[in-house]
C-alpha atoms as a PDB file:
ATOM      1  CA  MET A   1      -9.635  14.840 -19.290  1.00  0.00           C
ATOM      2  CA  LEU A   2      -6.921  12.427 -19.917  1.00  0.00           C
ATOM      3  CA  PRO A   3      -4.103  12.217 -17.381  1.00  0.00           C
ATOM      4  CA  PRO A   4      -0.505  12.792 -18.376  1.00  0.00           C
ATOM      5  CA  THR A   5       0.134   9.092 -18.167  1.00  0.00           C
ATOM      6  CA  TYR A   6      -2.274   8.402 -21.136  1.00  0.00           C
ATOM      7  CA  VAL A   7      -0.472   6.781 -24.173  1.00  0.00           C
ATOM      8  CA  PRO A   8      -2.463   6.664 -27.383  1.00  0.00           C
ATOM      9  CA  GLY A   9      -2.500   3.257 -28.918  1.00  0.00           C
ATOM     10  CA  PHE A  10      -1.601   1.501 -25.661  1.00  0.00           C
ATOM     11  CA  HIS A  11      -4.344   2.462 -23.252  1.00  0.00           C
ATOM     12  CA  ASP A  12      -8.038   1.581 -23.472  1.00  0.00           C
ATOM     13  CA  GLU A  13      -9.073   5.238 -23.889  1.00  0.00           C
ATOM     14  CA  GLU A  14     -12.633   4.696 -22.721  1.00  0.00           C
ATOM     15  CA  ALA A  15     -11.480   2.978 -19.691  1.00  0.00           C
ATOM     16  CA  VAL A  16      -9.038   5.726 -18.852  1.00  0.00           C
ATOM     17  CA  ARG A  17     -11.636   8.333 -19.321  1.00  0.00           C
ATOM     18  CA  ALA A  18     -13.772   6.397 -16.790  1.00  0.00           C
ATOM     19  CA  MET A  19     -11.044   6.308 -14.244  1.00  0.00           C
ATOM     20  CA  ARG A  20     -10.866   8.992 -11.386  1.00  0.00           C
ATOM     21  CA  TYR A  21      -7.441  10.648 -11.159  1.00  0.00           C
ATOM     22  CA  ASN A  22      -6.427  12.675  -8.025  1.00  0.00           C
ATOM     23  CA  ASP A  23      -3.566  15.041  -7.095  1.00  0.00           C
ATOM     24  CA  LEU A  24      -0.873  13.286  -5.044  1.00  0.00           C
ATOM     25  CA  GLY A  25      -0.147  16.141  -2.705  1.00  0.00           C
ATOM     26  CA  THR A  26       2.041  18.778  -4.181  1.00  0.00           C
ATOM     27  CA  THR A  27       4.029  16.256  -6.518  1.00  0.00           C
ATOM     28  CA  GLY A  28       2.116  17.312  -9.550  1.00  0.00           C
ATOM     29  CA  LEU A  29       1.350  13.557 -10.242  1.00  0.00           C
ATOM     30  CA  LYS A  30      -2.199  12.695 -11.070  1.00  0.00           C
ATOM     31  CA  VAL A  31      -2.651   9.165  -9.643  1.00  0.00           C
ATOM     32  CA  SER A  32      -5.580   6.679 -10.364  1.00  0.00           C
ATOM     33  CA  HIS A  33      -8.107   6.430  -7.455  1.00  0.00           C
ATOM     34  CA  LEU A  34      -7.347   2.721  -7.680  1.00  0.00           C
ATOM     35  CA  GLY A  35      -3.634   1.655  -7.294  1.00  0.00           C
ATOM     36  CA  LEU A  36      -1.929  -1.658  -7.752  1.00  0.00           C
ATOM     37  CA  GLY A  37      -0.245  -3.212  -4.862  1.00  0.00           C
ATOM     38  CA  GLY A  38       2.669  -5.551  -5.359  1.00  0.00           C
ATOM     39  CA  GLY A  39       2.591  -7.237  -2.047  1.00  0.00           C
ATOM     40  CA  PRO A  40       0.674 -10.397  -3.365  1.00  0.00           C
ATOM     41  CA  LEU A  41       3.356 -10.822  -5.926  1.00  0.00           C
ATOM     42  CA  GLY A  42       5.750 -11.694  -3.259  1.00  0.00           C
ATOM     43  CA  ILE A  43       4.310 -12.532   0.159  1.00  0.00           C
ATOM     44  CA  TYR A  44       1.023 -14.526  -0.187  1.00  0.00           C
ATOM     45  CA  GLY A  45       2.247 -17.795  -1.490  1.00  0.00           C
ATOM     46  CA  ASP A  46       2.283 -19.246  -4.961  1.00  0.00           C
ATOM     47  CA  TYR A  47       0.394 -17.929  -7.982  1.00  0.00           C
ATOM     48  CA  PRO A  48       0.568 -18.279 -11.788  1.00  0.00           C
ATOM     49  CA  GLU A  49       3.201 -15.816 -12.807  1.00  0.00           C
ATOM     50  CA  GLU A  50       1.925 -15.644 -16.286  1.00  0.00           C
ATOM     51  CA  ASP A  51      -1.456 -14.555 -14.984  1.00  0.00           C
ATOM     52  CA  ALA A  52      -0.024 -11.991 -12.536  1.00  0.00           C
ATOM     53  CA  ILE A  53       2.015 -10.389 -15.240  1.00  0.00           C
ATOM     54  CA  ALA A  54      -1.121 -10.170 -17.535  1.00  0.00           C
ATOM     55  CA  ALA A  55      -3.005  -8.587 -14.694  1.00  0.00           C
ATOM     56  CA  VAL A  56      -0.274  -5.833 -14.261  1.00  0.00           C
ATOM     57  CA  ARG A  57      -0.238  -5.073 -17.940  1.00  0.00           C
ATOM     58  CA  GLU A  58      -4.043  -5.025 -18.190  1.00  0.00           C
ATOM     59  CA  ALA A  59      -4.313  -2.867 -15.107  1.00  0.00           C
ATOM     60  CA  ILE A  60      -2.309  -0.106 -16.661  1.00  0.00           C
ATOM     61  CA  ARG A  61      -3.938  -0.499 -19.967  1.00  0.00           C
ATOM     62  CA  GLN A  62      -7.313   0.016 -18.037  1.00  0.00           C
ATOM     63  CA  GLY A  63      -6.031   3.269 -16.477  1.00  0.00           C
ATOM     64  CA  ILE A  64      -4.531   2.215 -13.280  1.00  0.00           C
ATOM     65  CA  ASN A  65      -1.158   4.275 -13.104  1.00  0.00           C
ATOM     66  CA  TYR A  66       0.083   3.782  -9.684  1.00  0.00           C
ATOM     67  CA  ILE A  67       2.047   0.715  -8.696  1.00  0.00           C
ATOM     68  CA  ASP A  68       3.505   0.074  -5.175  1.00  0.00           C
ATOM     69  CA  THR A  69       6.066  -2.550  -4.308  1.00  0.00           C
ATOM     70  CA  ALA A  70       9.092  -3.273  -1.992  1.00  0.00           C
ATOM     71  CA  PRO A  71      12.081  -5.524  -1.535  1.00  0.00           C
ATOM     72  CA  PHE A  72      10.353  -7.026   1.487  1.00  0.00           C
ATOM     73  CA  TYR A  73       7.699  -8.528  -0.838  1.00  0.00           C
ATOM     74  CA  GLY A  74       9.078 -11.901  -1.410  1.00  0.00           C
ATOM     75  CA  LEU A  75      12.792 -11.018  -0.933  1.00  0.00           C
ATOM     76  CA  GLY A  76      12.724  -9.133  -4.229  1.00  0.00           C
ATOM     77  CA  ARG A  77      10.229 -11.304  -6.099  1.00  0.00           C
ATOM     78  CA  SER A  78       7.547  -8.660  -6.225  1.00  0.00           C
ATOM     79  CA  GLU A  79      10.051  -6.419  -7.921  1.00  0.00           C
ATOM     80  CA  GLU A  80      11.272  -8.964 -10.332  1.00  0.00           C
ATOM     81  CA  VAL A  81       7.838  -9.979 -11.474  1.00  0.00           C
ATOM     82  CA  LEU A  82       6.886  -6.317 -11.912  1.00  0.00           C
ATOM     83  CA  GLY A  83      10.139  -5.925 -14.042  1.00  0.00           C
ATOM     84  CA  LYS A  84       9.015  -8.517 -16.326  1.00  0.00           C
ATOM     85  CA  ALA A  85       5.543  -7.183 -16.533  1.00  0.00           C
ATOM     86  CA  LEU A  86       6.501  -3.511 -17.158  1.00  0.00           C
ATOM     87  CA  LYS A  87       8.964  -4.595 -19.855  1.00  0.00           C
ATOM     88  CA  GLY A  88       7.761  -3.071 -23.201  1.00  0.00           C
ATOM     89  CA  ILE A  89       5.160  -0.772 -21.551  1.00  0.00           C
ATOM     90  CA  PRO A  90       5.702   2.854 -22.250  1.00  0.00           C
ATOM     91  CA  ARG A  91       7.434   4.384 -19.114  1.00  0.00           C
ATOM     92  CA  GLN A  92       5.046   7.354 -19.352  1.00  0.00           C
ATOM     93  CA  ALA A  93       2.088   5.052 -18.747  1.00  0.00           C
ATOM     94  CA  TYR A  94       2.653   4.532 -14.969  1.00  0.00           C
ATOM     95  CA  TYR A  95       4.121   5.779 -11.684  1.00  0.00           C
ATOM     96  CA  ILE A  96       5.920   3.162  -9.634  1.00  0.00           C
ATOM     97  CA  ALA A  97       7.070   3.391  -6.060  1.00  0.00           C
ATOM     98  CA  THR A  98       9.444   0.961  -4.121  1.00  0.00           C
ATOM     99  CA  LYS A  99      10.924   1.165  -0.706  1.00  0.00           C
ATOM    100  CA  VAL A 100      13.965   0.717   1.591  1.00  0.00           C
ATOM    101  CA  GLY A 101      14.568  -0.183   5.143  1.00  0.00           C
ATOM    102  CA  ARG A 102      12.584  -3.429   5.579  1.00  0.00           C
ATOM    103  CA  TYR A 103      13.927  -6.735   4.039  1.00  0.00           C
ATOM    104  CA  THR A 104      13.380 -10.121   5.641  1.00  0.00           C
ATOM    105  CA  MET A 105      11.188 -12.072   8.195  1.00  0.00           C
ATOM    106  CA  ASP A 106      14.325 -12.809  10.378  1.00  0.00           C
ATOM    107  CA  PRO A 107      14.359 -10.364  13.350  1.00  0.00           C
ATOM    108  CA  ARG A 108      18.125 -10.021  13.003  1.00  0.00           C
ATOM    109  CA  THR A 109      17.877  -8.752   9.350  1.00  0.00           C
ATOM    110  CA  MET A 110      14.305  -7.591   9.065  1.00  0.00           C
ATOM    111  CA  PHE A 111      15.276  -3.842   9.226  1.00  0.00           C
ATOM    112  CA  ASP A 112      18.152  -1.827   8.145  1.00  0.00           C
ATOM    113  CA  PHE A 113      17.809   1.886   7.767  1.00  0.00           C
ATOM    114  CA  SER A 114      21.492   2.723   7.396  1.00  0.00           C
ATOM    115  CA  ALA A 115      22.788   4.708   4.544  1.00  0.00           C
ATOM    116  CA  GLN A 116      24.970   1.948   3.028  1.00  0.00           C
ATOM    117  CA  LYS A 117      22.102  -0.559   3.091  1.00  0.00           C
ATOM    118  CA  THR A 118      19.806   1.945   1.598  1.00  0.00           C
ATOM    119  CA  ARG A 119      22.238   2.520  -1.319  1.00  0.00           C
ATOM    120  CA  GLU A 120      22.674  -1.220  -1.937  1.00  0.00           C
ATOM    121  CA  SER A 121      18.985  -2.018  -1.721  1.00  0.00           C
ATOM    122  CA  PHE A 122      17.823   0.656  -4.063  1.00  0.00           C
ATOM    123  CA  ALA A 123      20.509  -0.380  -6.720  1.00  0.00           C
ATOM    124  CA  LYS A 124      19.143  -3.898  -6.447  1.00  0.00           C
ATOM    125  CA  SER A 125      15.453  -2.543  -6.791  1.00  0.00           C
ATOM    126  CA  LEU A 126      16.196  -0.699 -10.020  1.00  0.00           C
ATOM    127  CA  LYS A 127      17.976  -3.772 -11.395  1.00  0.00           C
ATOM    128  CA  LEU A 128      15.031  -6.145 -10.525  1.00  0.00           C
ATOM    129  CA  LEU A 129      12.451  -3.670 -11.838  1.00  0.00           C
ATOM    130  CA  GLN A 130      14.519  -3.092 -14.964  1.00  0.00           C
ATOM    131  CA  LEU A 131      14.154   0.670 -14.662  1.00  0.00           C
ATOM    132  CA  ASP A 132      16.366   3.676 -14.599  1.00  0.00           C
ATOM    133  CA  TYR A 133      14.370   5.532 -11.987  1.00  0.00           C
ATOM    134  CA  VAL A 134      11.234   5.239  -9.870  1.00  0.00           C
ATOM    135  CA  ASP A 135       8.706   7.796  -9.205  1.00  0.00           C
ATOM    136  CA  ILE A 136       8.651   7.594  -5.441  1.00  0.00           C
ATOM    137  CA  ILE A 137      11.307   5.926  -3.098  1.00  0.00           C
ATOM    138  CA  GLN A 138       9.745   5.248   0.368  1.00  0.00           C
ATOM    139  CA  VAL A 139      11.266   4.518   3.840  1.00  0.00           C
ATOM    140  CA  HIS A 140       9.373   1.240   4.765  1.00  0.00           C
ATOM    141  CA  ASP A 141       7.525   0.937   8.117  1.00  0.00           C
ATOM    142  CA  VAL A 142       9.403   3.698   9.943  1.00  0.00           C
ATOM    143  CA  GLU A 143       7.952   2.861  13.401  1.00  0.00           C
ATOM    144  CA  PHE A 144      10.366  -0.073  13.600  1.00  0.00           C
ATOM    145  CA  VAL A 145      13.559   1.890  13.629  1.00  0.00           C
ATOM    146  CA  GLN A 146      15.442   1.455  16.864  1.00  0.00           C
ATOM    147  CA  ASN A 147      16.791   5.122  16.820  1.00  0.00           C
ATOM    148  CA  PRO A 148      14.388   7.374  14.829  1.00  0.00           C
ATOM    149  CA  ASP A 149      17.352   9.834  14.305  1.00  0.00           C
ATOM    150  CA  VAL A 150      18.816   7.230  11.879  1.00  0.00           C
ATOM    151  CA  ILE A 151      16.088   7.885   9.478  1.00  0.00           C
ATOM    152  CA  ILE A 152      16.604  11.715   9.666  1.00  0.00           C
ATOM    153  CA  ARG A 153      20.349  11.453   9.673  1.00  0.00           C
ATOM    154  CA  GLU A 154      21.085   8.531   7.217  1.00  0.00           C
ATOM    155  CA  THR A 155      18.056   7.303   5.277  1.00  0.00           C
ATOM    156  CA  LEU A 156      16.307  10.421   4.142  1.00  0.00           C
ATOM    157  CA  PRO A 157      19.561  12.182   2.939  1.00  0.00           C
ATOM    158  CA  VAL A 158      20.392   9.118   0.867  1.00  0.00           C
ATOM    159  CA  LEU A 159      16.902   9.270  -0.689  1.00  0.00           C
ATOM    160  CA  GLN A 160      17.476  12.951  -1.437  1.00  0.00           C
ATOM    161  CA  GLU A 161      20.709  11.903  -3.236  1.00  0.00           C
ATOM    162  CA  PHE A 162      18.625   9.539  -5.339  1.00  0.00           C
ATOM    163  CA  VAL A 163      16.235  12.300  -6.314  1.00  0.00           C
ATOM    164  CA  ALA A 164      19.177  14.726  -7.105  1.00  0.00           C
ATOM    165  CA  VAL A 165      20.742  12.364  -9.645  1.00  0.00           C
ATOM    166  CA  GLY A 166      17.465  11.412 -11.273  1.00  0.00           C
ATOM    167  CA  LYS A 167      17.068   7.883  -9.825  1.00  0.00           C
ATOM    168  CA  ALA A 168      13.835   8.902  -8.101  1.00  0.00           C
ATOM    169  CA  ARG A 169      11.480  11.786  -8.401  1.00  0.00           C
ATOM    170  CA  PHE A 170       9.904  12.012  -4.862  1.00  0.00           C
ATOM    171  CA  ILE A 171      10.282  10.752  -1.293  1.00  0.00           C
ATOM    172  CA  GLY A 172       7.764   8.990   0.803  1.00  0.00           C
ATOM    173  CA  ILE A 173       7.487   7.252   4.110  1.00  0.00           C
ATOM    174  CA  THR A 174       5.267   4.406   5.195  1.00  0.00           C
ATOM    175  CA  GLY A 175       3.882   2.877   8.341  1.00  0.00           C
ATOM    176  CA  TYR A 176       1.118   1.427  10.348  1.00  0.00           C
ATOM    177  CA  PRO A 177       0.865   4.073  13.388  1.00  0.00           C
ATOM    178  CA  LEU A 178       0.325   7.530  12.210  1.00  0.00           C
ATOM    179  CA  GLU A 179       2.180   9.547  14.803  1.00  0.00           C
ATOM    180  CA  PRO A 180       5.642   8.377  13.695  1.00  0.00           C
ATOM    181  CA  LEU A 181       4.779   9.421  10.300  1.00  0.00           C
ATOM    182  CA  ARG A 182       3.880  12.951  11.431  1.00  0.00           C
ATOM    183  CA  GLU A 183       7.028  13.091  13.655  1.00  0.00           C
ATOM    184  CA  ILE A 184       9.326  12.417  10.691  1.00  0.00           C
ATOM    185  CA  ILE A 185       7.588  14.950   8.515  1.00  0.00           C
ATOM    186  CA  GLU A 186       8.156  17.544  11.243  1.00  0.00           C
ATOM    187  CA  LYS A 187      11.830  16.629  11.706  1.00  0.00           C
ATOM    188  CA  SER A 188      12.898  15.883   8.216  1.00  0.00           C
ATOM    189  CA  GLY A 189      14.354  19.310   7.865  1.00  0.00           C
ATOM    190  CA  SER A 190      15.744  20.205   4.354  1.00  0.00           C
ATOM    191  CA  VAL A 191      14.364  16.826   2.947  1.00  0.00           C
ATOM    192  CA  LYS A 192      10.904  17.229   1.680  1.00  0.00           C
ATOM    193  CA  VAL A 193       8.791  14.305   2.530  1.00  0.00           C
ATOM    194  CA  ASP A 194       6.243  14.085  -0.283  1.00  0.00           C
ATOM    195  CA  THR A 195       4.092  11.079   0.316  1.00  0.00           C
ATOM    196  CA  VAL A 196       2.809   8.877   3.164  1.00  0.00           C
ATOM    197  CA  LEU A 197       1.584   5.334   2.781  1.00  0.00           C
ATOM    198  CA  SER A 198      -0.849   4.321   5.398  1.00  0.00           C
ATOM    199  CA  TYR A 199      -2.289   0.833   5.420  1.00  0.00           C
ATOM    200  CA  THR A 200      -5.512  -0.654   7.068  1.00  0.00           C
ATOM    201  CA  ARG A 201      -6.144   2.639   8.869  1.00  0.00           C
ATOM    202  CA  ASP A 202      -9.293   3.710   6.897  1.00  0.00           C
ATOM    203  CA  THR A 203     -11.530   0.551   6.782  1.00  0.00           C
ATOM    204  CA  LEU A 204     -14.780  -0.762   7.947  1.00  0.00           C
ATOM    205  CA  VAL A 205     -13.157  -1.247  11.425  1.00  0.00           C
ATOM    206  CA  ASP A 206     -10.684   1.459  11.756  1.00  0.00           C
ATOM    207  CA  ASP A 207     -10.822   5.170  10.538  1.00  0.00           C
ATOM    208  CA  THR A 208      -7.831   6.545  12.465  1.00  0.00           C
ATOM    209  CA  LEU A 209      -6.309   7.897   9.217  1.00  0.00           C
ATOM    210  CA  GLN A 210      -9.159  10.447   8.846  1.00  0.00           C
ATOM    211  CA  ARG A 211      -8.028  12.337  11.883  1.00  0.00           C
ATOM    212  CA  HIS A 212      -4.575  12.843  10.440  1.00  0.00           C
ATOM    213  CA  LEU A 213      -5.604  14.035   6.910  1.00  0.00           C
ATOM    214  CA  PRO A 214      -5.722  17.707   7.761  1.00  0.00           C
ATOM    215  CA  PHE A 215      -2.077  17.588   8.978  1.00  0.00           C
ATOM    216  CA  PHE A 216      -0.880  15.939   5.756  1.00  0.00           C
ATOM    217  CA  LYS A 217      -2.743  18.293   3.657  1.00  0.00           C
ATOM    218  CA  GLU A 218      -1.360  21.294   5.523  1.00  0.00           C
ATOM    219  CA  LYS A 219       2.087  19.833   4.867  1.00  0.00           C
ATOM    220  CA  GLY A 220       1.533  19.300   1.209  1.00  0.00           C
ATOM    221  CA  VAL A 221       1.956  15.503   1.615  1.00  0.00           C
ATOM    222  CA  GLY A 222       0.152  13.204  -0.607  1.00  0.00           C
ATOM    223  CA  VAL A 223      -1.690  10.360   1.115  1.00  0.00           C
ATOM    224  CA  ILE A 224      -1.692   6.843  -0.381  1.00  0.00           C
ATOM    225  CA  CYS A 225      -4.057   4.459   1.335  1.00  0.00           C
ATOM    226  CA  ALA A 226      -3.547   0.518   1.328  1.00  0.00           C
ATOM    227  CA  ALA A 227      -5.088  -2.583   2.420  1.00  0.00           C
ATOM    228  CA  GLY A 228      -8.783  -1.883   2.565  1.00  0.00           C
ATOM    229  CA  THR A 229      -9.544  -5.420   3.637  1.00  0.00           C
ATOM    230  CA  ALA A 230      -7.200  -4.942   6.622  1.00  0.00           C
ATOM    231  CA  MET A 231      -4.809  -7.481   5.309  1.00  0.00           C
ATOM    232  CA  GLY A 232      -7.395 -10.170   4.762  1.00  0.00           C
ATOM    233  CA  LEU A 233      -9.348  -9.585   8.088  1.00  0.00           C
ATOM    234  CA  LEU A 234     -12.286  -8.194   6.073  1.00  0.00           C
ATOM    235  CA  SER A 235     -12.596 -11.227   3.774  1.00  0.00           C
ATOM    236  CA  SER A 236     -14.313 -14.592   3.720  1.00  0.00           C
ATOM    237  CA  THR A 237     -11.031 -16.384   3.765  1.00  0.00           C
ATOM    238  CA  GLY A 238      -9.745 -14.531   6.654  1.00  0.00           C
ATOM    239  CA  PRO A 239      -6.242 -13.293   7.436  1.00  0.00           C
ATOM    240  CA  GLN A 240      -2.828 -15.043   7.255  1.00  0.00           C
ATOM    241  CA  PRO A 241      -1.678 -16.894  10.434  1.00  0.00           C
ATOM    242  CA  TRP A 242       0.913 -14.088  11.108  1.00  0.00           C
ATOM    243  CA  HIS A 243      -1.850 -11.348  11.169  1.00  0.00           C
ATOM    244  CA  PRO A 244      -1.157  -9.222  14.378  1.00  0.00           C
ATOM    245  CA  ALA A 245      -4.781  -8.402  15.027  1.00  0.00           C
ATOM    246  CA  PRO A 246      -6.095  -9.123  18.576  1.00  0.00           C
ATOM    247  CA  GLN A 247      -8.576 -11.936  19.084  1.00  0.00           C
ATOM    248  CA  LYS A 248     -11.647  -9.717  19.692  1.00  0.00           C
ATOM    249  CA  LEU A 249     -11.133  -8.062  16.516  1.00  0.00           C
ATOM    250  CA  ARG A 250     -10.468 -11.287  14.584  1.00  0.00           C
ATOM    251  CA  ASP A 251     -13.553 -12.803  16.096  1.00  0.00           C
ATOM    252  CA  ALA A 252     -15.696  -9.827  15.037  1.00  0.00           C
ATOM    253  CA  CYS A 253     -14.455  -9.933  11.480  1.00  0.00           C
ATOM    254  CA  ARG A 254     -15.081 -13.726  11.329  1.00  0.00           C
ATOM    255  CA  ALA A 255     -18.493 -13.267  12.378  1.00  0.00           C
ATOM    256  CA  ALA A 256     -19.164 -10.596   9.867  1.00  0.00           C
ATOM    257  CA  ALA A 257     -17.644 -12.748   7.175  1.00  0.00           C
ATOM    258  CA  GLY A 258     -20.009 -15.664   8.306  1.00  0.00           C
ATOM    259  CA  TYR A 259     -22.996 -13.269   8.148  1.00  0.00           C
ATOM    260  CA  CYS A 260     -22.041 -12.258   4.723  1.00  0.00           C
ATOM    261  CA  LYS A 261     -21.617 -15.825   3.579  1.00  0.00           C
ATOM    262  CA  GLU A 262     -25.174 -16.518   4.837  1.00  0.00           C
ATOM    263  CA  ARG A 263     -26.451 -13.772   2.424  1.00  0.00           C
ATOM    264  CA  SER A 264     -24.286 -14.935  -0.479  1.00  0.00           C
ATOM    265  CA  VAL A 265     -22.109 -11.839  -0.172  1.00  0.00           C
ATOM    266  CA  GLU A 266     -18.440 -11.624  -0.197  1.00  0.00           C
ATOM    267  CA  LEU A 267     -17.166  -9.296   2.642  1.00  0.00           C
ATOM    268  CA  ALA A 268     -13.990  -8.305   0.876  1.00  0.00           C
ATOM    269  CA  ARG A 269     -16.214  -6.625  -1.796  1.00  0.00           C
ATOM    270  CA  LEU A 270     -17.938  -4.686   0.860  1.00  0.00           C
ATOM    271  CA  ALA A 271     -14.489  -3.659   2.427  1.00  0.00           C
ATOM    272  CA  MET A 272     -13.087  -2.551  -0.898  1.00  0.00           C
ATOM    273  CA  HIS A 273     -16.303  -0.517  -1.799  1.00  0.00           C
ATOM    274  CA  HIS A 274     -16.049   1.157   1.642  1.00  0.00           C
ATOM    275  CA  ALA A 275     -12.269   2.040   1.123  1.00  0.00           C
ATOM    276  CA  LEU A 276     -12.742   3.285  -2.432  1.00  0.00           C
ATOM    277  CA  THR A 277     -15.537   5.721  -1.294  1.00  0.00           C
ATOM    278  CA  ARG A 278     -13.539   7.285   1.372  1.00  0.00           C
ATOM    279  CA  GLU A 279     -12.221  10.788   0.644  1.00  0.00           C
ATOM    280  CA  GLY A 280      -8.995  12.603   1.376  1.00  0.00           C
ATOM    281  CA  GLN A 281      -6.501   9.957  -0.046  1.00  0.00           C
ATOM    282  CA  ALA A 282      -5.064  10.223  -3.524  1.00  0.00           C
ATOM    283  CA  THR A 283      -5.077   6.394  -4.212  1.00  0.00           C
ATOM    284  CA  HIS A 284      -6.180   3.209  -2.762  1.00  0.00           C
ATOM    285  CA  VAL A 285      -3.633   0.511  -3.344  1.00  0.00           C
ATOM    286  CA  VAL A 286      -5.104  -2.995  -3.670  1.00  0.00           C
ATOM    287  CA  GLY A 287      -2.980  -6.090  -3.861  1.00  0.00           C
ATOM    288  CA  ILE A 288      -3.382  -7.702  -7.162  1.00  0.00           C
ATOM    289  CA  ASN A 289      -1.808 -10.922  -8.574  1.00  0.00           C
ATOM    290  CA  SER A 290      -4.519 -12.177 -11.002  1.00  0.00           C
ATOM    291  CA  THR A 291      -6.660 -10.975 -13.758  1.00  0.00           C
ATOM    292  CA  GLN A 292      -9.844 -12.109 -11.659  1.00  0.00           C
ATOM    293  CA  ILE A 293      -8.771  -9.891  -8.782  1.00  0.00           C
ATOM    294  CA  LEU A 294      -8.086  -7.062 -11.074  1.00  0.00           C
ATOM    295  CA  ARG A 295     -11.581  -7.359 -12.810  1.00  0.00           C
ATOM    296  CA  SER A 296     -13.237  -7.616  -9.425  1.00  0.00           C
ATOM    297  CA  ASN A 297     -11.823  -4.366  -8.203  1.00  0.00           C
ATOM    298  CA  LEU A 298     -12.413  -2.537 -11.266  1.00  0.00           C
ATOM    299  CA  GLN A 299     -15.970  -3.506 -11.342  1.00  0.00           C
ATOM    300  CA  ILE A 300     -16.476  -2.310  -7.720  1.00  0.00           C
ATOM    301  CA  LEU A 301     -14.780   0.861  -8.474  1.00  0.00           C
ATOM    302  CA  ARG A 302     -16.901   1.424 -11.722  1.00  0.00           C
ATOM    303  CA  ASP A 303     -20.344  -0.082 -10.714  1.00  0.00           C
ATOM    304  CA  GLY A 304     -20.363  -0.066  -6.869  1.00  0.00           C
ATOM    305  CA  LEU A 305     -22.474  -2.637  -4.915  1.00  0.00           C
ATOM    306  CA  THR A 306     -25.596  -4.398  -5.647  1.00  0.00           C
ATOM    307  CA  SER A 307     -28.829  -3.441  -3.542  1.00  0.00           C
ATOM    308  CA  THR A 308     -28.277  -6.700  -1.738  1.00  0.00           C
ATOM    309  CA  GLU A 309     -24.694  -5.845  -0.981  1.00  0.00           C
ATOM    310  CA  GLN A 310     -25.527  -2.440   0.183  1.00  0.00           C
ATOM    311  CA  GLU A 311     -28.080  -3.762   2.552  1.00  0.00           C
ATOM    312  CA  VAL A 312     -25.521  -6.363   3.889  1.00  0.00           C
ATOM    313  CA  LEU A 313     -22.858  -3.710   4.320  1.00  0.00           C
ATOM    314  CA  ARG A 314     -25.436  -1.585   6.359  1.00  0.00           C
ATOM    315  CA  ASP A 315     -26.047  -4.831   8.623  1.00  0.00           C
ATOM    316  CA  VAL A 316     -22.494  -5.617   9.019  1.00  0.00           C
ATOM    317  CA  GLN A 317     -21.521  -2.078  10.197  1.00  0.00           C
ATOM    318  CA  LYS A 318     -24.409  -2.041  12.650  1.00  0.00           C
ATOM    319  CA  LYS A 319     -24.274  -5.573  14.026  1.00  0.00           C
ATOM    320  CA  PHE A 320     -20.596  -6.391  14.146  1.00  0.00           C
ATOM    321  CA  PHE A 321     -18.512  -3.196  13.992  1.00  0.00           C
ATOM    322  CA  ALA A 322     -20.411  -0.339  15.573  1.00  0.00           C
ATOM    323  CA  GLN A 323     -19.669  -1.228  19.185  1.00  0.00           C
ATOM    324  CA  LEU A 324     -16.355  -2.949  18.493  1.00  0.00           C
ATOM    325  CA  PRO A 325     -14.037  -2.101  21.376  1.00  0.00           C
ATOM    326  CA  VAL A 326     -10.795  -2.916  19.735  1.00  0.00           C
ATOM    327  CA  ARG A 327     -10.253  -1.777  16.246  1.00  0.00           C
ATOM    328  CA  HIS A 328      -6.524  -1.997  15.611  1.00  0.00           C
ATOM    329  CA  TRP A 329      -3.284  -3.639  16.686  1.00  0.00           C
ATOM    330  CA  GLU A 330      -1.048  -0.591  17.043  1.00  0.00           C
ATOM    331  CA  GLY A 331       1.943  -1.284  19.080  1.00  0.00           C
ATOM    332  CA  LEU A 332       1.528  -5.175  19.200  1.00  0.00           C
ATOM    333  CA  GLU A 333       3.994  -5.864  16.389  1.00  0.00           C
ATOM    334  CA  LEU A 334       6.589  -3.587  17.816  1.00  0.00           C
ATOM    335  CA  THR A 335       6.182  -5.099  21.313  1.00  0.00           C
ATOM    336  CA  MET A 336       6.628  -8.593  19.907  1.00  0.00           C
ATOM    337  CA  LEU A 337       9.578  -7.680  17.668  1.00  0.00           C
ATOM    338  CA  ARG A 338      11.390  -5.761  20.435  1.00  0.00           C
ATOM    339  CA  GLU A 339      11.138  -8.973  22.693  1.00  0.00           C
ATOM    340  CA  GLU A 340      12.693 -10.948  19.851  1.00  0.00           C
ATOM    341  CA  TRP A 341      15.425  -8.309  19.640  1.00  0.00           C
ATOM    342  CA  ARG A 342      15.957  -8.595  23.483  1.00  0.00           C
ATOM    343  CA  LYS A 343      16.362 -12.426  23.213  1.00  0.00           C
ATOM    344  CA  LEU A 344      19.007 -11.903  20.366  1.00  0.00           C
ATOM    345  CA  GLY A 345      20.766  -9.293  22.423  1.00  0.00           C
ATOM    346  CA  MET A 346      20.023  -6.521  19.905  1.00  0.00           C
ATOM    347  CA  LEU A 347      18.636  -4.105  22.486  1.00  0.00           C
END
């Protein structure tokens, strides 16, 4: 069956029919199993903008109908590039989500969950995206709020205002640790949290998300999964210098990447195949800023791995990850940021 986002004359019908679509919680949205992440459009260095725009447009034509972005991604650059890419594409053809709450790399201005900033930020996002509304407006990385009550008292009610006036359709929250997401859902009161975005928590090295899926399902919350390569840890090139993973985890992933290279296999392909075969999430968001990356991920989704890649994947899981003592970096980022806040007199 064709999804509600299908537009005759625009889409590649054969590709859309081959795409898997899942229910996003109780929103009524049917989202593509593979989603497009806008992070690389803003925070991973330079790239040919023309190719990135072409990748976005081709992704939608090929049946990817879920797009995720945020003001934090390049100080608005991700939203701006998406605005250019989406111009002229039928609005029916895609669902798009942006965020509020996280903004800069400077500890003094990195987070602001106040009602005033939320309104200002969202107005700017709509302008950059060149849209009248988004499908989901999300609170970005809720674990970093200094006082969790601010999200309950200020941020969520403002997002509800956006929904009431038609500038957004649904409300979501995002974060790395899972417990803060659960706590906000429990405490949100009259504001319905429709979605959660969890990143790097259902990968080759960490399946923490799986333990929380029954709770989200019970609450009717759609689950969006992101960063199947653990933000570059599970790739031949490795993570960015700022990646918060502890050294033992970095070492294990580097050793796995080396083993893959010896077998002429790309670790990131194995990681993405693993992510895309996990169940319980509505969509798996992959950062895309080139047509090459788009085609690679579509190929993994449609064709899976070669027999050699499957063999190497089994080896990697057994040799490098089965006995891995440290599988995540939960709490490390918050500890470091709190120390910066103390130095600045913000705590």
